[in-house]
Amino acid sequence: MRILIVEDEALVALDLATQMEDLGHEVVGPAHSVEQAMPLAEGEALDFALLDINLRGRQSTPVAQALIARGIPLVFLSGYDSPQMVEDLGAVRVLPKPVQPRTLGQLLSEVA
């Protein structure tokens, strides 16, 4: 699977990318801001996306909306309670950070 990672914390992004690659997936990104993520969300061939909810003080809602419009499944990652915007987007899952490799593996097997 080609998986977009959108995460503003470099170490967390690197850890997620490593976990995805260890599971045999191809990583797109990581993108560290909404501005970096939008062209990837709108134009790259993707199978799945992992999005941090809060990117340097901005919510990743535009990225999620672009992915949803293309029918690309996504999961939000958050170190905080799920904000209202997640509920407004519909059937989008939220995983608490830090995410365990086993959890990601199970999640991706559900999507595949």
PDB file of N, CA and C in Angstrom:
ATOM      1  N   MET A   1       0.840  -1.191   0.000  1.00  0.00           N
ATOM      2  CA  MET A   1       0.000   0.000   0.000  1.00  0.00           C
ATOM      3  C   MET A   1       0.878   1.246   0.000  1.00  0.00           C
ATOM      4  N   ARG A   2       0.393   2.285  -0.664  1.00  0.00           N
ATOM      5  CA  ARG A   2       1.051   3.599  -0.617  1.00  0.00           C
ATOM      6  C   ARG A   2       0.342   4.429   0.453  1.00  0.00           C
ATOM      7  N   ILE A   3       1.100   4.819   1.471  1.00  0.00           N
ATOM      8  CA  ILE A   3       0.519   5.471   2.641  1.00  0.00           C
ATOM      9  C   ILE A   3       1.094   6.865   2.806  1.00  0.00           C
ATOM     10  N   LEU A   4       0.199   7.851   2.826  1.00  0.00           N
ATOM     11  CA  LEU A   4       0.593   9.232   3.083  1.00  0.00           C
ATOM     12  C   LEU A   4       0.698   9.438   4.587  1.00  0.00           C
ATOM     13  N   ILE A   5       1.809  10.018   5.015  1.00  0.00           N
ATOM     14  CA  ILE A   5       1.986  10.377   6.422  1.00  0.00           C
ATOM     15  C   ILE A   5       2.053  11.893   6.513  1.00  0.00           C
ATOM     16  N   VAL A   6       1.187  12.453   7.354  1.00  0.00           N
ATOM     17  CA  VAL A   6       1.154  13.896   7.593  1.00  0.00           C
ATOM     18  C   VAL A   6       1.334  14.095   9.093  1.00  0.00           C
ATOM     19  N   GLU A   7       2.503  14.575   9.478  1.00  0.00           N
ATOM     20  CA  GLU A   7       2.881  14.704  10.895  1.00  0.00           C
ATOM     21  C   GLU A   7       3.915  15.805  11.013  1.00  0.00           C
ATOM     22  N   ASP A   8       3.677  16.769  11.897  1.00  0.00           N
ATOM     23  CA  ASP A   8       4.592  17.910  12.006  1.00  0.00           C
ATOM     24  C   ASP A   8       5.788  17.661  12.922  1.00  0.00           C
ATOM     25  N   GLU A   9       5.730  16.657  13.764  1.00  0.00           N
ATOM     26  CA  GLU A   9       6.868  16.350  14.634  1.00  0.00           C
ATOM     27  C   GLU A   9       7.792  15.374  13.908  1.00  0.00           C
ATOM     28  N   ALA A  10       9.013  15.820  13.620  1.00  0.00           N
ATOM     29  CA  ALA A  10       9.937  15.056  12.779  1.00  0.00           C
ATOM     30  C   ALA A  10      10.202  13.647  13.314  1.00  0.00           C
ATOM     31  N   LEU A  11      10.421  13.513  14.604  1.00  0.00           N
ATOM     32  CA  LEU A  11      10.723  12.190  15.161  1.00  0.00           C
ATOM     33  C   LEU A  11       9.523  11.250  15.083  1.00  0.00           C
ATOM     34  N   VAL A  12       8.345  11.788  15.318  1.00  0.00           N
ATOM     35  CA  VAL A  12       7.133  10.973  15.218  1.00  0.00           C
ATOM     36  C   VAL A  12       6.920  10.553  13.766  1.00  0.00           C
ATOM     37  N   ALA A  13       7.130  11.493  12.835  1.00  0.00           N
ATOM     38  CA  ALA A  13       6.979  11.186  11.408  1.00  0.00           C
ATOM     39  C   ALA A  13       7.955  10.098  10.980  1.00  0.00           C
ATOM     40  N   LEU A  14       9.190  10.207  11.432  1.00  0.00           N
ATOM     41  CA  LEU A  14      10.208   9.209  11.097  1.00  0.00           C
ATOM     42  C   LEU A  14       9.833   7.841  11.663  1.00  0.00           C
ATOM     43  N   ASP A  15       9.348   7.820  12.898  1.00  0.00           N
ATOM     44  CA  ASP A  15       8.929   6.568  13.524  1.00  0.00           C
ATOM     45  C   ASP A  15       7.769   5.934  12.757  1.00  0.00           C
ATOM     46  N   LEU A  16       6.775   6.744  12.385  1.00  0.00           N
ATOM     47  CA  LEU A  16       5.643   6.222  11.616  1.00  0.00           C
ATOM     48  C   LEU A  16       6.098   5.674  10.269  1.00  0.00           C
ATOM     49  N   ALA A  17       6.974   6.425   9.594  1.00  0.00           N
ATOM     50  CA  ALA A  17       7.477   5.987   8.291  1.00  0.00           C
ATOM     51  C   ALA A  17       8.220   4.659   8.421  1.00  0.00           C
ATOM     52  N   THR A  18       9.042   4.546   9.439  1.00  0.00           N
ATOM     53  CA  THR A  18       9.787   3.304   9.660  1.00  0.00           C
ATOM     54  C   THR A  18       8.837   2.142   9.930  1.00  0.00           C
ATOM     55  N   GLN A  19       7.820   2.380  10.761  1.00  0.00           N
ATOM     56  CA  GLN A  19       6.842   1.331  11.052  1.00  0.00           C
ATOM     57  C   GLN A  19       6.129   0.877   9.779  1.00  0.00           C
ATOM     58  N   MET A  20       5.733   1.832   8.945  1.00  0.00           N
ATOM     59  CA  MET A  20       5.028   1.488   7.710  1.00  0.00           C
ATOM     60  C   MET A  20       5.924   0.692   6.763  1.00  0.00           C
ATOM     61  N   GLU A  21       7.169   1.128   6.634  1.00  0.00           N
ATOM     62  CA  GLU A  21       8.112   0.423   5.763  1.00  0.00           C
ATOM     63  C   GLU A  21       8.410  -0.975   6.301  1.00  0.00           C
ATOM     64  N   ASP A  22       8.528  -1.105   7.618  1.00  0.00           N
ATOM     65  CA  ASP A  22       8.760  -2.419   8.224  1.00  0.00           C
ATOM     66  C   ASP A  22       7.593  -3.375   7.963  1.00  0.00           C
ATOM     67  N   LEU A  23       6.398  -2.810   7.803  1.00  0.00           N
ATOM     68  CA  LEU A  23       5.215  -3.619   7.502  1.00  0.00           C
ATOM     69  C   LEU A  23       5.072  -3.874   6.000  1.00  0.00           C
ATOM     70  N   GLY A  24       6.034  -3.358   5.210  1.00  0.00           N
ATOM     71  CA  GLY A  24       6.037  -3.616   3.774  1.00  0.00           C
ATOM     72  C   GLY A  24       5.309  -2.599   2.926  1.00  0.00           C
ATOM     73  N   HIS A  25       5.006  -1.436   3.489  1.00  0.00           N
ATOM     74  CA  HIS A  25       4.271  -0.408   2.755  1.00  0.00           C
ATOM     75  C   HIS A  25       5.217   0.666   2.234  1.00  0.00           C
ATOM     76  N   GLU A  26       4.766   1.374   1.200  1.00  0.00           N
ATOM     77  CA  GLU A  26       5.521   2.487   0.636  1.00  0.00           C
ATOM     78  C   GLU A  26       5.005   3.783   1.252  1.00  0.00           C
ATOM     79  N   VAL A  27       5.909   4.594   1.767  1.00  0.00           N
ATOM     80  CA  VAL A  27       5.536   5.846   2.423  1.00  0.00           C
ATOM     81  C   VAL A  27       5.591   6.998   1.431  1.00  0.00           C
ATOM     82  N   VAL A  28       4.543   7.808   1.434  1.00  0.00           N
ATOM     83  CA  VAL A  28       4.511   9.060   0.685  1.00  0.00           C
ATOM     84  C   VAL A  28       4.634  10.159   1.724  1.00  0.00           C
ATOM     85  N   GLY A  29       5.601  11.032   1.552  1.00  0.00           N
ATOM     86  CA  GLY A  29       5.902  12.054   2.548  1.00  0.00           C
ATOM     87  C   GLY A  29       7.070  11.588   3.394  1.00  0.00           C
ATOM     88  N   PRO A  30       7.066  11.898   4.649  1.00  0.00           N
ATOM     89  CA  PRO A  30       6.044  12.592   5.414  1.00  0.00           C
ATOM     90  C   PRO A  30       5.965  14.081   5.069  1.00  0.00           C
ATOM     91  N   ALA A  31       4.743  14.580   5.109  1.00  0.00           N
ATOM     92  CA  ALA A  31       4.493  16.012   4.970  1.00  0.00           C
ATOM     93  C   ALA A  31       4.370  16.578   6.377  1.00  0.00           C
ATOM     94  N   HIS A  32       4.927  17.774   6.571  1.00  0.00           N
ATOM     95  CA  HIS A  32       4.968  18.358   7.916  1.00  0.00           C
ATOM     96  C   HIS A  32       4.010  19.529   8.111  1.00  0.00           C
ATOM     97  N   SER A  33       3.253  19.869   7.068  1.00  0.00           N
ATOM     98  CA  SER A  33       2.314  20.989   7.166  1.00  0.00           C
ATOM     99  C   SER A  33       1.162  20.760   6.194  1.00  0.00           C
ATOM    100  N   VAL A  34       0.103  21.528   6.367  1.00  0.00           N
ATOM    101  CA  VAL A  34      -1.027  21.466   5.439  1.00  0.00           C
ATOM    102  C   VAL A  34      -0.550  21.816   4.036  1.00  0.00           C
ATOM    103  N   GLU A  35       0.312  22.822   3.934  1.00  0.00           N
ATOM    104  CA  GLU A  35       0.805  23.265   2.624  1.00  0.00           C
ATOM    105  C   GLU A  35       1.595  22.160   1.914  1.00  0.00           C
ATOM    106  N   GLN A  36       2.381  21.409   2.647  1.00  0.00           N
ATOM    107  CA  GLN A  36       3.125  20.298   2.050  1.00  0.00           C
ATOM    108  C   GLN A  36       2.207  19.122   1.718  1.00  0.00           C
ATOM    109  N   ALA A  37       1.199  18.910   2.536  1.00  0.00           N
ATOM    110  CA  ALA A  37       0.340  17.737   2.384  1.00  0.00           C
ATOM    111  C   ALA A  37      -0.684  17.867   1.264  1.00  0.00           C
ATOM    112  N   MET A  38      -1.179  19.069   1.008  1.00  0.00           N
ATOM    113  CA  MET A  38      -2.263  19.222   0.036  1.00  0.00           C
ATOM    114  C   MET A  38      -1.924  18.701  -1.355  1.00  0.00           C
ATOM    115  N   PRO A  39      -0.770  19.044  -1.944  1.00  0.00           N
ATOM    116  CA  PRO A  39      -0.480  18.504  -3.281  1.00  0.00           C
ATOM    117  C   PRO A  39      -0.393  16.976  -3.291  1.00  0.00           C
ATOM    118  N   LEU A  40       0.092  16.405  -2.212  1.00  0.00           N
ATOM    119  CA  LEU A  40       0.177  14.947  -2.113  1.00  0.00           C
ATOM    120  C   LEU A  40      -1.219  14.338  -1.994  1.00  0.00           C
ATOM    121  N   ALA A  41      -2.057  14.939  -1.164  1.00  0.00           N
ATOM    122  CA  ALA A  41      -3.419  14.439  -0.958  1.00  0.00           C
ATOM    123  C   ALA A  41      -4.260  14.557  -2.224  1.00  0.00           C
ATOM    124  N   GLU A  42      -4.004  15.588  -3.005  1.00  0.00           N
ATOM    125  CA  GLU A  42      -4.801  15.831  -4.207  1.00  0.00           C
ATOM    126  C   GLU A  42      -4.276  15.108  -5.445  1.00  0.00           C
ATOM    127  N   GLY A  43      -2.973  14.796  -5.481  1.00  0.00           N
ATOM    128  CA  GLY A  43      -2.420  14.302  -6.728  1.00  0.00           C
ATOM    129  C   GLY A  43      -1.706  12.970  -6.714  1.00  0.00           C
ATOM    130  N   GLU A  44      -1.268  12.512  -5.565  1.00  0.00           N
ATOM    131  CA  GLU A  44      -0.517  11.252  -5.491  1.00  0.00           C
ATOM    132  C   GLU A  44      -1.456  10.045  -5.521  1.00  0.00           C
ATOM    133  N   ALA A  45      -0.962   8.958  -6.066  1.00  0.00           N
ATOM    134  CA  ALA A  45      -1.679   7.685  -5.978  1.00  0.00           C
ATOM    135  C   ALA A  45      -1.492   7.173  -4.552  1.00  0.00           C
ATOM    136  N   LEU A  46      -2.578   7.087  -3.807  1.00  0.00           N
ATOM    137  CA  LEU A  46      -2.529   6.708  -2.394  1.00  0.00           C
ATOM    138  C   LEU A  46      -3.557   5.626  -2.101  1.00  0.00           C
ATOM    139  N   ASP A  47      -3.231   4.800  -1.118  1.00  0.00           N
ATOM    140  CA  ASP A  47      -4.165   3.776  -0.656  1.00  0.00           C
ATOM    141  C   ASP A  47      -4.704   4.061   0.739  1.00  0.00           C
ATOM    142  N   PHE A  48      -3.987   4.905   1.485  1.00  0.00           N
ATOM    143  CA  PHE A  48      -4.333   5.143   2.884  1.00  0.00           C
ATOM    144  C   PHE A  48      -3.560   6.364   3.360  1.00  0.00           C
ATOM    145  N   ALA A  49      -4.038   6.995   4.448  1.00  0.00           N
ATOM    146  CA  ALA A  49      -3.322   8.144   5.002  1.00  0.00           C
ATOM    147  C   ALA A  49      -3.409   8.156   6.523  1.00  0.00           C
ATOM    148  N   LEU A  50      -2.311   8.582   7.140  1.00  0.00           N
ATOM    149  CA  LEU A  50      -2.231   8.821   8.581  1.00  0.00           C
ATOM    150  C   LEU A  50      -2.006  10.307   8.765  1.00  0.00           C
ATOM    151  N   LEU A  51      -2.928  10.991   9.443  1.00  0.00           N
ATOM    152  CA  LEU A  51      -2.848  12.436   9.604  1.00  0.00           C
ATOM    153  C   LEU A  51      -2.834  12.830  11.068  1.00  0.00           C
ATOM    154  N   ASP A  52      -1.870  13.645  11.442  1.00  0.00           N
ATOM    155  CA  ASP A  52      -1.908  14.303  12.743  1.00  0.00           C
ATOM    156  C   ASP A  52      -3.020  15.343  12.663  1.00  0.00           C
ATOM    157  N   ILE A  53      -3.814  15.468  13.694  1.00  0.00           N
ATOM    158  CA  ILE A  53      -4.910  16.435  13.682  1.00  0.00           C
ATOM    159  C   ILE A  53      -4.386  17.862  13.698  1.00  0.00           C
ATOM    160  N   ASN A  54      -3.386  18.115  14.534  1.00  0.00           N
ATOM    161  CA  ASN A  54      -2.877  19.473  14.726  1.00  0.00           C
ATOM    162  C   ASN A  54      -1.493  19.593  14.093  1.00  0.00           C
ATOM    163  N   LEU A  55      -1.384  20.409  13.050  1.00  0.00           N
ATOM    164  CA  LEU A  55      -0.119  20.621  12.348  1.00  0.00           C
ATOM    165  C   LEU A  55       0.345  22.053  12.561  1.00  0.00           C
ATOM    166  N   ARG A  56       1.267  22.222  13.479  1.00  0.00           N
ATOM    167  CA  ARG A  56       1.816  23.549  13.762  1.00  0.00           C
ATOM    168  C   ARG A  56       0.718  24.589  14.004  1.00  0.00           C
ATOM    169  N   GLY A  57      -0.267  24.198  14.795  1.00  0.00           N
ATOM    170  CA  GLY A  57      -1.336  25.118  15.150  1.00  0.00           C
ATOM    171  C   GLY A  57      -2.489  25.159  14.167  1.00  0.00           C
ATOM    172  N   ARG A  58      -2.399  24.422  13.068  1.00  0.00           N
ATOM    173  CA  ARG A  58      -3.495  24.356  12.091  1.00  0.00           C
ATOM    174  C   ARG A  58      -4.072  22.954  12.080  1.00  0.00           C
ATOM    175  N   GLN A  59      -5.368  22.871  11.966  1.00  0.00           N
ATOM    176  CA  GLN A  59      -5.984  21.555  11.853  1.00  0.00           C
ATOM    177  C   GLN A  59      -5.803  21.025  10.434  1.00  0.00           C
ATOM    178  N   SER A  60      -5.684  19.730  10.319  1.00  0.00           N
ATOM    179  CA  SER A  60      -5.444  19.094   9.023  1.00  0.00           C
ATOM    180  C   SER A  60      -6.738  18.803   8.260  1.00  0.00           C
ATOM    181  N   THR A  61      -7.810  19.486   8.609  1.00  0.00           N
ATOM    182  CA  THR A  61      -9.106  19.283   7.970  1.00  0.00           C
ATOM    183  C   THR A  61      -9.061  19.378   6.448  1.00  0.00           C
ATOM    184  N   PRO A  62      -8.395  20.394   5.850  1.00  0.00           N
ATOM    185  CA  PRO A  62      -8.386  20.467   4.379  1.00  0.00           C
ATOM    186  C   PRO A  62      -7.761  19.231   3.732  1.00  0.00           C
ATOM    187  N   VAL A  63      -6.743  18.700   4.357  1.00  0.00           N
ATOM    188  CA  VAL A  63      -6.087  17.499   3.837  1.00  0.00           C
ATOM    189  C   VAL A  63      -7.057  16.322   3.917  1.00  0.00           C
ATOM    190  N   ALA A  64      -7.715  16.178   5.054  1.00  0.00           N
ATOM    191  CA  ALA A  64      -8.687  15.093   5.232  1.00  0.00           C
ATOM    192  C   ALA A  64      -9.816  15.207   4.216  1.00  0.00           C
ATOM    193  N   GLN A  65     -10.315  16.406   4.000  1.00  0.00           N
ATOM    194  CA  GLN A  65     -11.405  16.596   3.041  1.00  0.00           C
ATOM    195  C   GLN A  65     -10.971  16.216   1.629  1.00  0.00           C
ATOM    196  N   ALA A  66      -9.742  16.564   1.250  1.00  0.00           N
ATOM    197  CA  ALA A  66      -9.232  16.206  -0.078  1.00  0.00           C
ATOM    198  C   ALA A  66      -9.130  14.691  -0.224  1.00  0.00           C
ATOM    199  N   LEU A  67      -8.670  14.028   0.819  1.00  0.00           N
ATOM    200  CA  LEU A  67      -8.552  12.567   0.780  1.00  0.00           C
ATOM    201  C   LEU A  67      -9.924  11.900   0.727  1.00  0.00           C
ATOM    202  N   ILE A  68     -10.840  12.374   1.539  1.00  0.00           N
ATOM    203  CA  ILE A  68     -12.197  11.819   1.565  1.00  0.00           C
ATOM    204  C   ILE A  68     -12.863  11.992   0.204  1.00  0.00           C
ATOM    205  N   ALA A  69     -12.664  13.157  -0.424  1.00  0.00           N
ATOM    206  CA  ALA A  69     -13.244  13.412  -1.747  1.00  0.00           C
ATOM    207  C   ALA A  69     -12.728  12.421  -2.786  1.00  0.00           C
ATOM    208  N   ARG A  70     -11.521  11.931  -2.599  1.00  0.00           N
ATOM    209  CA  ARG A  70     -10.926  10.958  -3.523  1.00  0.00           C
ATOM    210  C   ARG A  70     -11.201   9.510  -3.105  1.00  0.00           C
ATOM    211  N   GLY A  71     -11.898   9.334  -1.989  1.00  0.00           N
ATOM    212  CA  GLY A  71     -12.221   7.990  -1.520  1.00  0.00           C
ATOM    213  C   GLY A  71     -11.062   7.268  -0.861  1.00  0.00           C
ATOM    214  N   ILE A  72     -10.085   8.026  -0.365  1.00  0.00           N
ATOM    215  CA  ILE A  72      -8.908   7.436   0.272  1.00  0.00           C
ATOM    216  C   ILE A  72      -9.160   7.335   1.776  1.00  0.00           C
ATOM    217  N   PRO A  73      -9.112   6.136   2.329  1.00  0.00           N
ATOM    218  CA  PRO A  73      -9.335   5.995   3.769  1.00  0.00           C
ATOM    219  C   PRO A  73      -8.210   6.644   4.570  1.00  0.00           C
ATOM    220  N   LEU A  74      -8.573   7.166   5.731  1.00  0.00           N
ATOM    221  CA  LEU A  74      -7.586   7.831   6.572  1.00  0.00           C
ATOM    222  C   LEU A  74      -7.896   7.616   8.032  1.00  0.00           C
ATOM    223  N   VAL A  75      -6.866   7.824   8.823  1.00  0.00           N
ATOM    224  CA  VAL A  75      -6.997   7.786  10.279  1.00  0.00           C
ATOM    225  C   VAL A  75      -6.275   8.999  10.824  1.00  0.00           C
ATOM    226  N   PHE A  76      -6.907   9.655  11.781  1.00  0.00           N
ATOM    227  CA  PHE A  76      -6.261  10.761  12.473  1.00  0.00           C
ATOM    228  C   PHE A  76      -5.457  10.221  13.645  1.00  0.00           C
ATOM    229  N   LEU A  77      -4.329  10.850  13.896  1.00  0.00           N
ATOM    230  CA  LEU A  77      -3.513  10.565  15.069  1.00  0.00           C
ATOM    231  C   LEU A  77      -3.560  11.795  15.950  1.00  0.00           C
ATOM    232  N   SER A  78      -3.716  11.597  17.244  1.00  0.00           N
ATOM    233  CA  SER A  78      -3.817  12.757  18.118  1.00  0.00           C
ATOM    234  C   SER A  78      -3.312  12.450  19.516  1.00  0.00           C
ATOM    235  N   GLY A  79      -2.642  13.429  20.074  1.00  0.00           N
ATOM    236  CA  GLY A  79      -2.243  13.357  21.462  1.00  0.00           C
ATOM    237  C   GLY A  79      -3.262  14.027  22.360  1.00  0.00           C
ATOM    238  N   TYR A  80      -4.367  14.475  21.768  1.00  0.00           N
ATOM    239  CA  TYR A  80      -5.403  15.209  22.489  1.00  0.00           C
ATOM    240  C   TYR A  80      -6.732  14.495  22.326  1.00  0.00           C
ATOM    241  N   ASP A  81      -7.754  15.009  23.013  1.00  0.00           N
ATOM    242  CA  ASP A  81      -9.106  14.503  22.790  1.00  0.00           C
ATOM    243  C   ASP A  81      -9.505  14.793  21.352  1.00  0.00           C
ATOM    244  N   SER A  82     -10.397  13.982  20.820  1.00  0.00           N
ATOM    245  CA  SER A  82     -10.862  14.171  19.446  1.00  0.00           C
ATOM    246  C   SER A  82     -11.696  15.441  19.349  1.00  0.00           C
ATOM    247  N   PRO A  83     -11.271  16.385  18.535  1.00  0.00           N
ATOM    248  CA  PRO A  83     -12.048  17.607  18.393  1.00  0.00           C
ATOM    249  C   PRO A  83     -13.315  17.382  17.574  1.00  0.00           C
ATOM    250  N   GLN A  84     -14.192  18.353  17.617  1.00  0.00           N
ATOM    251  CA  GLN A  84     -15.460  18.289  16.894  1.00  0.00           C
ATOM    252  C   GLN A  84     -15.249  18.065  15.404  1.00  0.00           C
ATOM    253  N   MET A  85     -14.156  18.608  14.846  1.00  0.00           N
ATOM    254  CA  MET A  85     -13.940  18.478  13.405  1.00  0.00           C
ATOM    255  C   MET A  85     -13.844  17.029  12.967  1.00  0.00           C
ATOM    256  N   VAL A  86     -13.347  16.152  13.811  1.00  0.00           N
ATOM    257  CA  VAL A  86     -13.271  14.738  13.456  1.00  0.00           C
ATOM    258  C   VAL A  86     -14.675  14.166  13.330  1.00  0.00           C
ATOM    259  N   GLU A  87     -15.537  14.500  14.266  1.00  0.00           N
ATOM    260  CA  GLU A  87     -16.918  14.035  14.206  1.00  0.00           C
ATOM    261  C   GLU A  87     -17.622  14.591  12.981  1.00  0.00           C
ATOM    262  N   ASP A  88     -17.329  15.839  12.627  1.00  0.00           N
ATOM    263  CA  ASP A  88     -17.965  16.471  11.477  1.00  0.00           C
ATOM    264  C   ASP A  88     -17.589  15.796  10.161  1.00  0.00           C
ATOM    265  N   LEU A  89     -16.430  15.153  10.110  1.00  0.00           N
ATOM    266  CA  LEU A  89     -15.990  14.499   8.879  1.00  0.00           C
ATOM    267  C   LEU A  89     -16.632  13.133   8.676  1.00  0.00           C
ATOM    268  N   GLY A  90     -17.336  12.639   9.661  1.00  0.00           N
ATOM    269  CA  GLY A  90     -18.010  11.359   9.493  1.00  0.00           C
ATOM    270  C   GLY A  90     -17.214  10.204  10.061  1.00  0.00           C
ATOM    271  N   ALA A  91     -17.228   9.101   9.347  1.00  0.00           N
ATOM    272  CA  ALA A  91     -16.655   7.850   9.843  1.00  0.00           C
ATOM    273  C   ALA A  91     -15.139   7.831   9.716  1.00  0.00           C
ATOM    274  N   VAL A  92     -14.495   8.707  10.437  1.00  0.00           N
ATOM    275  CA  VAL A  92     -13.033   8.771  10.452  1.00  0.00           C
ATOM    276  C   VAL A  92     -12.576   8.337  11.838  1.00  0.00           C
ATOM    277  N   ARG A  93     -11.604   7.440  11.880  1.00  0.00           N
ATOM    278  CA  ARG A  93     -11.103   6.946  13.167  1.00  0.00           C
ATOM    279  C   ARG A  93      -9.998   7.840  13.697  1.00  0.00           C
ATOM    280  N   VAL A  94      -9.857   7.826  15.006  1.00  0.00           N
ATOM    281  CA  VAL A  94      -8.787   8.563  15.673  1.00  0.00           C
ATOM    282  C   VAL A  94      -8.029   7.582  16.554  1.00  0.00           C
ATOM    283  N   LEU A  95      -6.708   7.576  16.412  1.00  0.00           N
ATOM    284  CA  LEU A  95      -5.853   6.768  17.272  1.00  0.00           C
ATOM    285  C   LEU A  95      -5.042   7.695  18.161  1.00  0.00           C
ATOM    286  N   PRO A  96      -4.916   7.357  19.433  1.00  0.00           N
ATOM    287  CA  PRO A  96      -4.096   8.186  20.320  1.00  0.00           C
ATOM    288  C   PRO A  96      -2.615   7.980  20.030  1.00  0.00           C
ATOM    289  N   LYS A  97      -1.856   9.072  20.144  1.00  0.00           N
ATOM    290  CA  LYS A  97      -0.396   8.971  20.004  1.00  0.00           C
ATOM    291  C   LYS A  97       0.196   8.717  21.378  1.00  0.00           C
ATOM    292  N   PRO A  98       1.274   7.977  21.464  1.00  0.00           N
ATOM    293  CA  PRO A  98       1.979   7.297  20.374  1.00  0.00           C
ATOM    294  C   PRO A  98       1.232   6.034  19.949  1.00  0.00           C
ATOM    295  N   VAL A  99       1.337   5.721  18.659  1.00  0.00           N
ATOM    296  CA  VAL A  99       0.663   4.557  18.094  1.00  0.00           C
ATOM    297  C   VAL A  99       1.620   3.373  18.119  1.00  0.00           C
ATOM    298  N   GLN A 100       1.136   2.262  18.598  1.00  0.00           N
ATOM    299  CA  GLN A 100       1.950   1.049  18.662  1.00  0.00           C
ATOM    300  C   GLN A 100       1.976   0.360  17.296  1.00  0.00           C
ATOM    301  N   PRO A 101       3.112  -0.222  16.912  1.00  0.00           N
ATOM    302  CA  PRO A 101       3.208  -0.906  15.616  1.00  0.00           C
ATOM    303  C   PRO A 101       2.124  -1.966  15.411  1.00  0.00           C
ATOM    304  N   ARG A 102       1.810  -2.703  16.457  1.00  0.00           N
ATOM    305  CA  ARG A 102       0.780  -3.744  16.345  1.00  0.00           C
ATOM    306  C   ARG A 102      -0.574  -3.136  15.986  1.00  0.00           C
ATOM    307  N   THR A 103      -0.890  -1.988  16.597  1.00  0.00           N
ATOM    308  CA  THR A 103      -2.151  -1.304  16.310  1.00  0.00           C
ATOM    309  C   THR A 103      -2.206  -0.880  14.853  1.00  0.00           C
ATOM    310  N   LEU A 104      -1.111  -0.313  14.351  1.00  0.00           N
ATOM    311  CA  LEU A 104      -1.068   0.104  12.946  1.00  0.00           C
ATOM    312  C   LEU A 104      -1.198  -1.094  12.018  1.00  0.00           C
ATOM    313  N   GLY A 105      -0.529  -2.166  12.340  1.00  0.00           N
ATOM    314  CA  GLY A 105      -0.619  -3.369  11.519  1.00  0.00           C
ATOM    315  C   GLY A 105      -2.040  -3.901  11.434  1.00  0.00           C
ATOM    316  N   GLN A 106      -2.736  -3.933  12.574  1.00  0.00           N
ATOM    317  CA  GLN A 106      -4.123  -4.396  12.598  1.00  0.00           C
ATOM    318  C   GLN A 106      -5.018  -3.468  11.790  1.00  0.00           C
ATOM    319  N   LEU A 107      -4.809  -2.176  11.957  1.00  0.00           N
ATOM    320  CA  LEU A 107      -5.607  -1.188  11.246  1.00  0.00           C
ATOM    321  C   LEU A 107      -5.452  -1.345   9.737  1.00  0.00           C
ATOM    322  N   LEU A 108      -4.221  -1.484   9.281  1.00  0.00           N
ATOM    323  CA  LEU A 108      -3.972  -1.606   7.848  1.00  0.00           C
ATOM    324  C   LEU A 108      -4.508  -2.920   7.289  1.00  0.00           C
ATOM    325  N   SER A 109      -4.497  -3.976   8.082  1.00  0.00           N
ATOM    326  CA  SER A 109      -5.062  -5.239   7.595  1.00  0.00           C
ATOM    327  C   SER A 109      -6.578  -5.133   7.453  1.00  0.00           C
ATOM    328  N   GLU A 110      -7.218  -4.291   8.258  1.00  0.00           N
ATOM    329  CA  GLU A 110      -8.656  -4.057   8.132  1.00  0.00           C
ATOM    330  C   GLU A 110      -8.977  -3.311   6.846  1.00  0.00           C
ATOM    331  N   VAL A 111      -8.105  -2.392   6.465  1.00  0.00           N
ATOM    332  CA  VAL A 111      -8.336  -1.547   5.293  1.00  0.00           C
ATOM    333  C   VAL A 111      -8.036  -2.295   4.002  1.00  0.00           C
ATOM    334  N   ALA A 112      -7.023  -3.152   4.043  1.00  0.00           N
ATOM    335  CA  ALA A 112      -6.557  -3.841   2.821  1.00  0.00           C
ATOM    336  C   ALA A 112      -7.584  -4.805   2.273  1.00  0.00           C
TER     337      ALA A 112
END
